[in-house]
């Protein structure tokens, strides 16, 4: 429902409201799990899903499935890339493990 609200309330073509991509971050306190979903307008399922769960044998490590996640530059800044400085945003396993540590702390 959250993703639909953002897409429905930012119709394409609006200069300041053209939401092209949504990241949903779901945090499950009971299972200590974090799920990050990447959604595009008009898609019925997430384009990319990353799941971050605690490592069963090491409380300081996280299992990350589905990484990396790339977010196109054009969908964030609403303009084409210009030159070599403009790049897509890419989040790898280490980035998602950092997200989990920030949610739950170093030791659970």
PDB file of N, CA and C in Angstrom:
ATOM      1  N   UNK A   1       0.819  -1.191   0.000  1.00  0.00           N
ATOM      2  CA  UNK A   1       0.000   0.000   0.000  1.00  0.00           C
ATOM      3  C   UNK A   1       0.868   1.263   0.000  1.00  0.00           C
ATOM      4  N   UNK A   2       2.009   1.226   0.706  1.00  0.00           N
ATOM      5  CA  UNK A   2       2.880   2.400   0.752  1.00  0.00           C
ATOM      6  C   UNK A   2       3.407   2.754  -0.632  1.00  0.00           C
ATOM      7  N   UNK A   3       3.864   1.759  -1.362  1.00  0.00           N
ATOM      8  CA  UNK A   3       4.411   2.034  -2.699  1.00  0.00           C
ATOM      9  C   UNK A   3       3.328   2.568  -3.617  1.00  0.00           C
ATOM     10  N   UNK A   4       2.121   2.027  -3.528  1.00  0.00           N
ATOM     11  CA  UNK A   4       1.024   2.513  -4.369  1.00  0.00           C
ATOM     12  C   UNK A   4       0.702   3.974  -4.059  1.00  0.00           C
ATOM     13  N   UNK A   5       0.747   4.359  -2.796  1.00  0.00           N
ATOM     14  CA  UNK A   5       0.469   5.745  -2.435  1.00  0.00           C
ATOM     15  C   UNK A   5       1.460   6.677  -3.118  1.00  0.00           C
ATOM     16  N   UNK A   6       2.748   6.342  -3.052  1.00  0.00           N
ATOM     17  CA  UNK A   6       3.763   7.202  -3.665  1.00  0.00           C
ATOM     18  C   UNK A   6       3.585   7.288  -5.175  1.00  0.00           C
ATOM     19  N   UNK A   7       3.353   6.153  -5.820  1.00  0.00           N
ATOM     20  CA  UNK A   7       3.163   6.192  -7.265  1.00  0.00           C
ATOM     21  C   UNK A   7       1.865   6.917  -7.637  1.00  0.00           C
ATOM     22  N   UNK A   8       0.790   6.674  -6.907  1.00  0.00           N
ATOM     23  CA  UNK A   8      -0.498   7.287  -7.223  1.00  0.00           C
ATOM     24  C   UNK A   8      -0.497   8.801  -6.990  1.00  0.00           C
ATOM     25  N   UNK A   9       0.285   9.270  -6.035  1.00  0.00           N
ATOM     26  CA  UNK A   9       0.298  10.695  -5.697  1.00  0.00           C
ATOM     27  C   UNK A   9       1.441  11.457  -6.351  1.00  0.00           C
ATOM     28  N   UNK A  10       2.103  10.861  -7.302  1.00  0.00           N
ATOM     29  CA  UNK A  10       3.160  11.538  -8.065  1.00  0.00           C
ATOM     30  C   UNK A  10       3.036  11.131  -9.522  1.00  0.00           C
ATOM     31  N   UNK A  11       2.027  11.652 -10.211  1.00  0.00           N
ATOM     32  CA  UNK A  11       1.803  11.233 -11.586  1.00  0.00           C
ATOM     33  C   UNK A  11       2.997  11.546 -12.483  1.00  0.00           C
ATOM     34  N   UNK A  12       3.253  10.699 -13.486  1.00  0.00           N
ATOM     35  CA  UNK A  12       4.362  10.957 -14.404  1.00  0.00           C
ATOM     36  C   UNK A  12       4.198  12.319 -15.083  1.00  0.00           C
ATOM     37  N   UNK A  13       5.321  12.962 -15.325  1.00  0.00           N
ATOM     38  CA  UNK A  13       5.299  14.233 -16.020  1.00  0.00           C
ATOM     39  C   UNK A  13       5.303  15.443 -15.101  1.00  0.00           C
ATOM     40  N   UNK A  14       4.994  15.265 -13.852  1.00  0.00           N
ATOM     41  CA  UNK A  14       5.049  16.382 -12.917  1.00  0.00           C
ATOM     42  C   UNK A  14       6.516  16.733 -12.683  1.00  0.00           C
ATOM     43  N   UNK A  15       6.895  17.994 -12.775  1.00  0.00           N
ATOM     44  CA  UNK A  15       8.313  18.327 -12.649  1.00  0.00           C
ATOM     45  C   UNK A  15       8.924  17.959 -11.305  1.00  0.00           C
ATOM     46  N   UNK A  16       8.154  17.995 -10.229  1.00  0.00           N
ATOM     47  CA  UNK A  16       8.734  17.695  -8.913  1.00  0.00           C
ATOM     48  C   UNK A  16       8.182  16.430  -8.294  1.00  0.00           C
ATOM     49  N   UNK A  17       7.245  15.776  -8.928  1.00  0.00           N
ATOM     50  CA  UNK A  17       6.614  14.646  -8.273  1.00  0.00           C
ATOM     51  C   UNK A  17       6.731  13.342  -9.011  1.00  0.00           C
ATOM     52  N   UNK A  18       7.581  13.253 -10.012  1.00  0.00           N
ATOM     53  CA  UNK A  18       7.668  12.047 -10.821  1.00  0.00           C
ATOM     54  C   UNK A  18       8.493  10.983 -10.100  1.00  0.00           C
ATOM     55  N   UNK A  19       7.848  10.262  -9.192  1.00  0.00           N
ATOM     56  CA  UNK A  19       8.527   9.181  -8.481  1.00  0.00           C
ATOM     57  C   UNK A  19       8.641   8.004  -9.436  1.00  0.00           C
ATOM     58  N   UNK A  20       9.859   7.600  -9.733  1.00  0.00           N
ATOM     59  CA  UNK A  20      10.096   6.514 -10.677  1.00  0.00           C
ATOM     60  C   UNK A  20      10.493   5.214 -10.003  1.00  0.00           C
ATOM     61  N   UNK A  21      10.994   5.325  -8.787  1.00  0.00           N
ATOM     62  CA  UNK A  21      11.473   4.137  -8.083  1.00  0.00           C
ATOM     63  C   UNK A  21      11.177   4.303  -6.595  1.00  0.00           C
ATOM     64  N   UNK A  22      10.871   3.190  -5.960  1.00  0.00           N
ATOM     65  CA  UNK A  22      10.603   3.205  -4.517  1.00  0.00           C
ATOM     66  C   UNK A  22      11.409   2.081  -3.873  1.00  0.00           C
ATOM     67  N   UNK A  23      12.029   2.391  -2.746  1.00  0.00           N
ATOM     68  CA  UNK A  23      12.675   1.377  -1.923  1.00  0.00           C
ATOM     69  C   UNK A  23      11.836   1.204  -0.672  1.00  0.00           C
ATOM     70  N   UNK A  24      11.355  -0.008  -0.462  1.00  0.00           N
ATOM     71  CA  UNK A  24      10.633  -0.329   0.768  1.00  0.00           C
ATOM     72  C   UNK A  24      11.577  -1.095   1.677  1.00  0.00           C
ATOM     73  N   UNK A  25      11.681  -0.674   2.907  1.00  0.00           N
ATOM     74  CA  UNK A  25      12.521  -1.362   3.886  1.00  0.00           C
ATOM     75  C   UNK A  25      11.598  -1.911   4.957  1.00  0.00           C
ATOM     76  N   UNK A  26      11.569  -3.234   5.051  1.00  0.00           N
ATOM     77  CA  UNK A  26      10.707  -3.914   6.018  1.00  0.00           C
ATOM     78  C   UNK A  26      11.582  -4.494   7.123  1.00  0.00           C
ATOM     79  N   UNK A  27      11.277  -4.146   8.353  1.00  0.00           N
ATOM     80  CA  UNK A  27      12.045  -4.614   9.503  1.00  0.00           C
ATOM     81  C   UNK A  27      11.138  -5.493  10.351  1.00  0.00           C
ATOM     82  N   UNK A  28      11.562  -6.746  10.579  1.00  0.00           N
ATOM     83  CA  UNK A  28      10.796  -7.677  11.388  1.00  0.00           C
ATOM     84  C   UNK A  28      11.502  -7.822  12.732  1.00  0.00           C
ATOM     85  N   UNK A  29      10.920  -7.239  13.765  1.00  0.00           N
ATOM     86  CA  UNK A  29      11.547  -7.263  15.093  1.00  0.00           C
ATOM     87  C   UNK A  29      11.588  -8.662  15.691  1.00  0.00           C
ATOM     88  N   UNK A  30      10.603  -9.493  15.369  1.00  0.00           N
ATOM     89  CA  UNK A  30      10.545 -10.838  15.953  1.00  0.00           C
ATOM     90  C   UNK A  30      11.660 -11.736  15.414  1.00  0.00           C
ATOM     91  N   UNK A  31      11.931 -11.652  14.102  1.00  0.00           N
ATOM     92  CA  UNK A  31      12.927 -12.546  13.499  1.00  0.00           C
ATOM     93  C   UNK A  31      14.263 -11.861  13.260  1.00  0.00           C
ATOM     94  N   UNK A  32      14.375 -10.588  13.582  1.00  0.00           N
ATOM     95  CA  UNK A  32      15.581  -9.796  13.334  1.00  0.00           C
ATOM     96  C   UNK A  32      15.965  -9.875  11.858  1.00  0.00           C
ATOM     97  N   UNK A  33      14.999  -9.692  11.005  1.00  0.00           N
ATOM     98  CA  UNK A  33      15.198  -9.771   9.564  1.00  0.00           C
ATOM     99  C   UNK A  33      14.884  -8.411   8.937  1.00  0.00           C
ATOM    100  N   UNK A  34      15.646  -8.042   7.914  1.00  0.00           N
ATOM    101  CA  UNK A  34      15.393  -6.820   7.163  1.00  0.00           C
ATOM    102  C   UNK A  34      15.239  -7.214   5.693  1.00  0.00           C
ATOM    103  N   UNK A  35      14.182  -6.699   5.048  1.00  0.00           N
ATOM    104  CA  UNK A  35      13.958  -6.939   3.626  1.00  0.00           C
ATOM    105  C   UNK A  35      13.885  -5.586   2.935  1.00  0.00           C
ATOM    106  N   UNK A  36      14.675  -5.440   1.867  1.00  0.00           N
ATOM    107  CA  UNK A  36      14.673  -4.218   1.069  1.00  0.00           C
ATOM    108  C   UNK A  36      14.149  -4.580  -0.309  1.00  0.00           C
ATOM    109  N   UNK A  37      13.079  -3.893  -0.733  1.00  0.00           N
ATOM    110  CA  UNK A  37      12.482  -4.146  -2.040  1.00  0.00           C
ATOM    111  C   UNK A  37      12.628  -2.911  -2.922  1.00  0.00           C
ATOM    112  N   UNK A  38      12.966  -3.145  -4.178  1.00  0.00           N
ATOM    113  CA  UNK A  38      13.094  -2.084  -5.174  1.00  0.00           C
ATOM    114  C   UNK A  38      11.916  -2.211  -6.139  1.00  0.00           C
ATOM    115  N   UNK A  39      11.084  -1.172  -6.195  1.00  0.00           N
ATOM    116  CA  UNK A  39       9.869  -1.183  -7.013  1.00  0.00           C
ATOM    117  C   UNK A  39       9.947  -0.136  -8.107  1.00  0.00           C
ATOM    118  N   UNK A  40       9.424  -0.472  -9.281  1.00  0.00           N
ATOM    119  CA  UNK A  40       9.279   0.475 -10.383  1.00  0.00           C
ATOM    120  C   UNK A  40       7.803   0.669 -10.680  1.00  0.00           C
ATOM    121  N   UNK A  41       7.465   1.836 -11.155  1.00  0.00           N
ATOM    122  CA  UNK A  41       6.088   2.166 -11.522  1.00  0.00           C
ATOM    123  C   UNK A  41       5.566   1.146 -12.533  1.00  0.00           C
ATOM    124  N   UNK A  42       4.360   0.630 -12.275  1.00  0.00           N
ATOM    125  CA  UNK A  42       3.710  -0.282 -13.209  1.00  0.00           C
ATOM    126  C   UNK A  42       4.057  -1.752 -13.027  1.00  0.00           C
ATOM    127  N   UNK A  43       5.011  -2.065 -12.165  1.00  0.00           N
ATOM    128  CA  UNK A  43       5.371  -3.465 -11.936  1.00  0.00           C
ATOM    129  C   UNK A  43       4.506  -4.046 -10.814  1.00  0.00           C
ATOM    130  N   UNK A  44       4.126  -5.293 -10.967  1.00  0.00           N
ATOM    131  CA  UNK A  44       3.275  -5.958  -9.980  1.00  0.00           C
ATOM    132  C   UNK A  44       4.074  -6.679  -8.894  1.00  0.00           C
ATOM    133  N   UNK A  45       5.389  -6.773  -9.086  1.00  0.00           N
ATOM    134  CA  UNK A  45       6.244  -7.401  -8.081  1.00  0.00           C
ATOM    135  C   UNK A  45       7.543  -6.603  -8.009  1.00  0.00           C
ATOM    136  N   UNK A  46       8.287  -6.752  -6.912  1.00  0.00           N
ATOM    137  CA  UNK A  46       9.525  -5.985  -6.794  1.00  0.00           C
ATOM    138  C   UNK A  46      10.525  -6.384  -7.876  1.00  0.00           C
ATOM    139  N   UNK A  47      11.270  -5.402  -8.365  1.00  0.00           N
ATOM    140  CA  UNK A  47      12.306  -5.635  -9.368  1.00  0.00           C
ATOM    141  C   UNK A  47      13.483  -6.374  -8.728  1.00  0.00           C
ATOM    142  N   UNK A  48      13.792  -6.016  -7.498  1.00  0.00           N
ATOM    143  CA  UNK A  48      14.910  -6.625  -6.771  1.00  0.00           C
ATOM    144  C   UNK A  48      14.530  -6.694  -5.295  1.00  0.00           C
ATOM    145  N   UNK A  49      14.870  -7.800  -4.657  1.00  0.00           N
ATOM    146  CA  UNK A  49      14.617  -7.970  -3.226  1.00  0.00           C
ATOM    147  C   UNK A  49      15.896  -8.455  -2.561  1.00  0.00           C
ATOM    148  N   UNK A  50      16.293  -7.772  -1.509  1.00  0.00           N
ATOM    149  CA  UNK A  50      17.458  -8.174  -0.717  1.00  0.00           C
ATOM    150  C   UNK A  50      16.960  -8.522   0.677  1.00  0.00           C
ATOM    151  N   UNK A  51      17.358  -9.702   1.162  1.00  0.00           N
ATOM    152  CA  UNK A  51      16.974 -10.170   2.491  1.00  0.00           C
ATOM    153  C   UNK A  51      18.219 -10.249   3.361  1.00  0.00           C
ATOM    154  N   UNK A  52      18.136  -9.668   4.549  1.00  0.00           N
ATOM    155  CA  UNK A  52      19.259  -9.646   5.478  1.00  0.00           C
ATOM    156  C   UNK A  52      18.804 -10.344   6.756  1.00  0.00           C
ATOM    157  N   UNK A  53      19.474 -11.439   7.090  1.00  0.00           N
ATOM    158  CA  UNK A  53      19.114 -12.213   8.285  1.00  0.00           C
ATOM    159  C   UNK A  53      20.353 -12.466   9.132  1.00  0.00           C
ATOM    160  N   UNK A  54      20.151 -12.713  10.413  1.00  0.00           N
ATOM    161  CA  UNK A  54      21.301 -12.994  11.277  1.00  0.00           C
ATOM    162  C   UNK A  54      21.984 -14.303  10.877  1.00  0.00           C
ATOM    163  N   UNK A  55      23.284 -14.328  10.972  1.00  0.00           N
ATOM    164  CA  UNK A  55      24.034 -15.564  10.744  1.00  0.00           C
ATOM    165  C   UNK A  55      23.754 -16.493  11.927  1.00  0.00           C
ATOM    166  N   UNK A  56      23.381 -17.748  11.661  1.00  0.00           N
ATOM    167  CA  UNK A  56      23.000 -18.632  12.776  1.00  0.00           C
ATOM    168  C   UNK A  56      24.149 -18.990  13.711  1.00  0.00           C
ATOM    169  N   UNK A  57      25.404 -18.900  13.236  1.00  0.00           N
ATOM    170  CA  UNK A  57      26.535 -19.322  14.062  1.00  0.00           C
ATOM    171  C   UNK A  57      27.384 -18.171  14.576  1.00  0.00           C
ATOM    172  N   UNK A  58      27.197 -16.983  14.022  1.00  0.00           N
ATOM    173  CA  UNK A  58      28.043 -15.861  14.408  1.00  0.00           C
ATOM    174  C   UNK A  58      27.172 -14.613  14.566  1.00  0.00           C
ATOM    175  N   UNK A  59      26.987 -14.170  15.786  1.00  0.00           N
ATOM    176  CA  UNK A  59      26.070 -13.061  16.045  1.00  0.00           C
ATOM    177  C   UNK A  59      26.587 -11.725  15.531  1.00  0.00           C
ATOM    178  N   UNK A  60      27.835 -11.652  15.084  1.00  0.00           N
ATOM    179  CA  UNK A  60      28.366 -10.404  14.544  1.00  0.00           C
ATOM    180  C   UNK A  60      28.285 -10.337  13.027  1.00  0.00           C
ATOM    181  N   UNK A  61      27.726 -11.365  12.389  1.00  0.00           N
ATOM    182  CA  UNK A  61      27.657 -11.393  10.936  1.00  0.00           C
ATOM    183  C   UNK A  61      26.217 -11.542  10.459  1.00  0.00           C
ATOM    184  N   UNK A  62      25.993 -11.115   9.220  1.00  0.00           N
ATOM    185  CA  UNK A  62      24.668 -11.143   8.614  1.00  0.00           C
ATOM    186  C   UNK A  62      24.729 -11.895   7.296  1.00  0.00           C
ATOM    187  N   UNK A  63      23.665 -12.601   7.005  1.00  0.00           N
ATOM    188  CA  UNK A  63      23.530 -13.264   5.706  1.00  0.00           C
ATOM    189  C   UNK A  63      22.730 -12.328   4.804  1.00  0.00           C
ATOM    190  N   UNK A  64      23.286 -12.039   3.638  1.00  0.00           N
ATOM    191  CA  UNK A  64      22.657 -11.114   2.700  1.00  0.00           C
ATOM    192  C   UNK A  64      22.375 -11.867   1.407  1.00  0.00           C
ATOM    193  N   UNK A  65      21.104 -11.944   1.029  1.00  0.00           N
ATOM    194  CA  UNK A  65      20.707 -12.613  -0.208  1.00  0.00           C
ATOM    195  C   UNK A  65      20.080 -11.604  -1.151  1.00  0.00           C
ATOM    196  N   UNK A  66      20.482 -11.638  -2.427  1.00  0.00           N
ATOM    197  CA  UNK A  66      19.892 -10.780  -3.440  1.00  0.00           C
ATOM    198  C   UNK A  66      20.717  -9.565  -3.807  1.00  0.00           C
ATOM    199  N   UNK A  67      21.821  -9.318  -3.109  1.00  0.00           N
ATOM    200  CA  UNK A  67      22.689  -8.176  -3.417  1.00  0.00           C
ATOM    201  C   UNK A  67      23.597  -8.555  -4.594  1.00  0.00           C
ATOM    202  N   UNK A  68      24.049  -7.577  -5.344  1.00  0.00           N
ATOM    203  CA  UNK A  68      23.906  -6.143  -5.148  1.00  0.00           C
ATOM    204  C   UNK A  68      22.574  -5.631  -5.675  1.00  0.00           C
ATOM    205  N   UNK A  69      22.238  -4.415  -5.275  1.00  0.00           N
ATOM    206  CA  UNK A  69      21.052  -3.726  -5.771  1.00  0.00           C
ATOM    207  C   UNK A  69      21.536  -2.440  -6.453  1.00  0.00           C
ATOM    208  N   UNK A  70      21.191  -2.300  -7.724  1.00  0.00           N
ATOM    209  CA  UNK A  70      21.576  -1.107  -8.478  1.00  0.00           C
ATOM    210  C   UNK A  70      20.353  -0.228  -8.699  1.00  0.00           C
ATOM    211  N   UNK A  71      20.522   1.049  -8.445  1.00  0.00           N
ATOM    212  CA  UNK A  71      19.451   2.026  -8.648  1.00  0.00           C
ATOM    213  C   UNK A  71      19.920   2.991  -9.731  1.00  0.00           C
ATOM    214  N   UNK A  72      19.214   3.032 -10.849  1.00  0.00           N
ATOM    215  CA  UNK A  72      19.653   3.890 -11.947  1.00  0.00           C
ATOM    216  C   UNK A  72      19.706   5.373 -11.569  1.00  0.00           C
ATOM    217  N   UNK A  73      20.793   6.011 -11.948  1.00  0.00           N
ATOM    218  CA  UNK A  73      20.992   7.439 -11.699  1.00  0.00           C
ATOM    219  C   UNK A  73      19.783   8.251 -12.153  1.00  0.00           C
ATOM    220  N   UNK A  74      19.281   7.943 -13.340  1.00  0.00           N
ATOM    221  CA  UNK A  74      18.189   8.711 -13.935  1.00  0.00           C
ATOM    222  C   UNK A  74      16.909   8.667 -13.092  1.00  0.00           C
ATOM    223  N   UNK A  75      16.695   7.561 -12.372  1.00  0.00           N
ATOM    224  CA  UNK A  75      15.480   7.427 -11.563  1.00  0.00           C
ATOM    225  C   UNK A  75      15.558   8.213 -10.262  1.00  0.00           C
ATOM    226  N   UNK A  76      16.756   8.530  -9.831  1.00  0.00           N
ATOM    227  CA  UNK A  76      16.920   9.291  -8.593  1.00  0.00           C
ATOM    228  C   UNK A  76      16.967  10.787  -8.876  1.00  0.00           C
ATOM    229  N   UNK A  77      17.759  11.178  -9.880  1.00  0.00           N
ATOM    230  CA  UNK A  77      17.984  12.595 -10.145  1.00  0.00           C
ATOM    231  C   UNK A  77      17.105  13.159 -11.265  1.00  0.00           C
ATOM    232  N   UNK A  78      16.306  12.289 -11.889  1.00  0.00           N
ATOM    233  CA  UNK A  78      15.332  12.679 -12.916  1.00  0.00           C
ATOM    234  C   UNK A  78      15.968  13.445 -14.076  1.00  0.00           C
ATOM    235  N   UNK A  79      17.178  13.026 -14.458  1.00  0.00           N
ATOM    236  CA  UNK A  79      17.862  13.569 -15.632  1.00  0.00           C
ATOM    237  C   UNK A  79      18.858  12.530 -16.126  1.00  0.00           C
ATOM    238  N   UNK A  80      19.251  12.608 -17.387  1.00  0.00           N
ATOM    239  CA  UNK A  80      20.245  11.654 -17.891  1.00  0.00           C
ATOM    240  C   UNK A  80      21.616  11.878 -17.255  1.00  0.00           C
ATOM    241  N   UNK A  81      22.434  10.844 -17.296  1.00  0.00           N
ATOM    242  CA  UNK A  81      23.812  10.974 -16.830  1.00  0.00           C
ATOM    243  C   UNK A  81      24.555  11.961 -17.722  1.00  0.00           C
ATOM    244  N   UNK A  82      25.443  12.725 -17.105  1.00  0.00           N
ATOM    245  CA  UNK A  82      26.260  13.687 -17.844  1.00  0.00           C
ATOM    246  C   UNK A  82      27.711  13.485 -17.447  1.00  0.00           C
ATOM    247  N   UNK A  83      28.479  12.893 -18.341  1.00  0.00           N
ATOM    248  CA  UNK A  83      29.889  12.680 -18.051  1.00  0.00           C
ATOM    249  C   UNK A  83      30.112  11.492 -17.135  1.00  0.00           C
ATOM    250  N   UNK A  84      31.365  11.296 -16.750  1.00  0.00           N
ATOM    251  CA  UNK A  84      31.753  10.137 -15.959  1.00  0.00           C
ATOM    252  C   UNK A  84      31.451  10.225 -14.477  1.00  0.00           C
ATOM    253  N   UNK A  85      31.096  11.409 -14.004  1.00  0.00           N
ATOM    254  CA  UNK A  85      30.839  11.552 -12.560  1.00  0.00           C
ATOM    255  C   UNK A  85      29.471  11.047 -12.158  1.00  0.00           C
ATOM    256  N   UNK A  86      28.531  11.014 -13.071  1.00  0.00           N
ATOM    257  CA  UNK A  86      27.181  10.549 -12.771  1.00  0.00           C
ATOM    258  C   UNK A  86      27.131   9.041 -12.929  1.00  0.00           C
ATOM    259  N   UNK A  87      26.866   8.339 -11.845  1.00  0.00           N
ATOM    260  CA  UNK A  87      26.830   6.880 -11.886  1.00  0.00           C
ATOM    261  C   UNK A  87      25.591   6.364 -11.162  1.00  0.00           C
ATOM    262  N   UNK A  88      25.244   5.129 -11.473  1.00  0.00           N
ATOM    263  CA  UNK A  88      24.156   4.479 -10.760  1.00  0.00           C
ATOM    264  C   UNK A  88      24.559   4.280  -9.300  1.00  0.00           C
ATOM    265  N   UNK A  89      23.578   4.164  -8.429  1.00  0.00           N
ATOM    266  CA  UNK A  89      23.839   3.850  -7.026  1.00  0.00           C
ATOM    267  C   UNK A  89      23.827   2.334  -6.889  1.00  0.00           C
ATOM    268  N   UNK A  90      24.894   1.779  -6.361  1.00  0.00           N
ATOM    269  CA  UNK A  90      24.988   0.328  -6.218  1.00  0.00           C
ATOM    270  C   UNK A  90      25.279   0.011  -4.762  1.00  0.00           C
ATOM    271  N   UNK A  91      24.410  -0.822  -4.181  1.00  0.00           N
ATOM    272  CA  UNK A  91      24.558  -1.251  -2.795  1.00  0.00           C
ATOM    273  C   UNK A  91      24.933  -2.723  -2.791  1.00  0.00           C
ATOM    274  N   UNK A  92      26.059  -3.045  -2.146  1.00  0.00           N
ATOM    275  CA  UNK A  92      26.536  -4.430  -2.126  1.00  0.00           C
ATOM    276  C   UNK A  92      26.238  -5.086  -0.772  1.00  0.00           C
ATOM    277  N   UNK A  93      26.740  -6.305  -0.600  1.00  0.00           N
ATOM    278  CA  UNK A  93      26.473  -7.049   0.639  1.00  0.00           C
ATOM    279  C   UNK A  93      26.929  -6.288   1.878  1.00  0.00           C
ATOM    280  N   UNK A  94      28.086  -5.657   1.798  1.00  0.00           N
ATOM    281  CA  UNK A  94      28.606  -4.914   2.951  1.00  0.00           C
ATOM    282  C   UNK A  94      27.681  -3.754   3.311  1.00  0.00           C
ATOM    283  N   UNK A  95      27.128  -3.079   2.318  1.00  0.00           N
ATOM    284  CA  UNK A  95      26.204  -1.978   2.586  1.00  0.00           C
ATOM    285  C   UNK A  95      24.962  -2.481   3.324  1.00  0.00           C
ATOM    286  N   UNK A  96      24.433  -3.627   2.897  1.00  0.00           N
ATOM    287  CA  UNK A  96      23.234  -4.163   3.544  1.00  0.00           C
ATOM    288  C   UNK A  96      23.544  -4.703   4.936  1.00  0.00           C
ATOM    289  N   UNK A  97      24.724  -5.262   5.137  1.00  0.00           N
ATOM    290  CA  UNK A  97      25.119  -5.709   6.474  1.00  0.00           C
ATOM    291  C   UNK A  97      25.228  -4.506   7.417  1.00  0.00           C
ATOM    292  N   UNK A  98      25.720  -3.390   6.894  1.00  0.00           N
ATOM    293  CA  UNK A  98      25.785  -2.163   7.692  1.00  0.00           C
ATOM    294  C   UNK A  98      24.389  -1.695   8.070  1.00  0.00           C
ATOM    295  N   UNK A  99      23.448  -1.788   7.139  1.00  0.00           N
ATOM    296  CA  UNK A  99      22.052  -1.436   7.433  1.00  0.00           C
ATOM    297  C   UNK A  99      21.518  -2.286   8.590  1.00  0.00           C
ATOM    298  N   UNK A 100      21.785  -3.584   8.550  1.00  0.00           N
ATOM    299  CA  UNK A 100      21.313  -4.472   9.618  1.00  0.00           C
ATOM    300  C   UNK A 100      21.968  -4.125  10.954  1.00  0.00           C
ATOM    301  N   UNK A 101      23.259  -3.847  10.943  1.00  0.00           N
ATOM    302  CA  UNK A 101      23.946  -3.476  12.186  1.00  0.00           C
ATOM    303  C   UNK A 101      23.358  -2.187  12.763  1.00  0.00           C
ATOM    304  N   UNK A 102      22.986  -1.271  11.892  1.00  0.00           N
ATOM    305  CA  UNK A 102      22.401  -0.017  12.376  1.00  0.00           C
ATOM    306  C   UNK A 102      21.005  -0.239  12.937  1.00  0.00           C
ATOM    307  N   UNK A 103      20.298  -1.236  12.419  1.00  0.00           N
ATOM    308  CA  UNK A 103      18.976  -1.564  12.969  1.00  0.00           C
ATOM    309  C   UNK A 103      19.090  -2.275  14.307  1.00  0.00           C
ATOM    310  N   UNK A 104      20.005  -3.244  14.394  1.00  0.00           N
ATOM    311  CA  UNK A 104      20.019  -4.157  15.529  1.00  0.00           C
ATOM    312  C   UNK A 104      21.239  -4.026  16.430  1.00  0.00           C
ATOM    313  N   UNK A 105      22.252  -3.290  16.031  1.00  0.00           N
ATOM    314  CA  UNK A 105      23.469  -3.181  16.834  1.00  0.00           C
ATOM    315  C   UNK A 105      24.456  -4.272  16.436  1.00  0.00           C
ATOM    316  N   UNK A 106      25.665  -4.163  16.942  1.00  0.00           N
ATOM    317  CA  UNK A 106      26.732  -5.113  16.604  1.00  0.00           C
ATOM    318  C   UNK A 106      26.383  -6.520  17.065  1.00  0.00           C
ATOM    319  N   UNK A 107      25.883  -6.656  18.279  1.00  0.00           N
ATOM    320  CA  UNK A 107      25.532  -7.974  18.815  1.00  0.00           C
ATOM    321  C   UNK A 107      24.058  -7.985  19.143  1.00  0.00           C
ATOM    322  N   UNK A 108      23.406  -9.056  18.777  1.00  0.00           N
ATOM    323  CA  UNK A 108      21.973  -9.172  19.038  1.00  0.00           C
ATOM    324  C   UNK A 108      21.740  -9.891  20.325  1.00  0.00           C
TER     325      UNK A 108
END
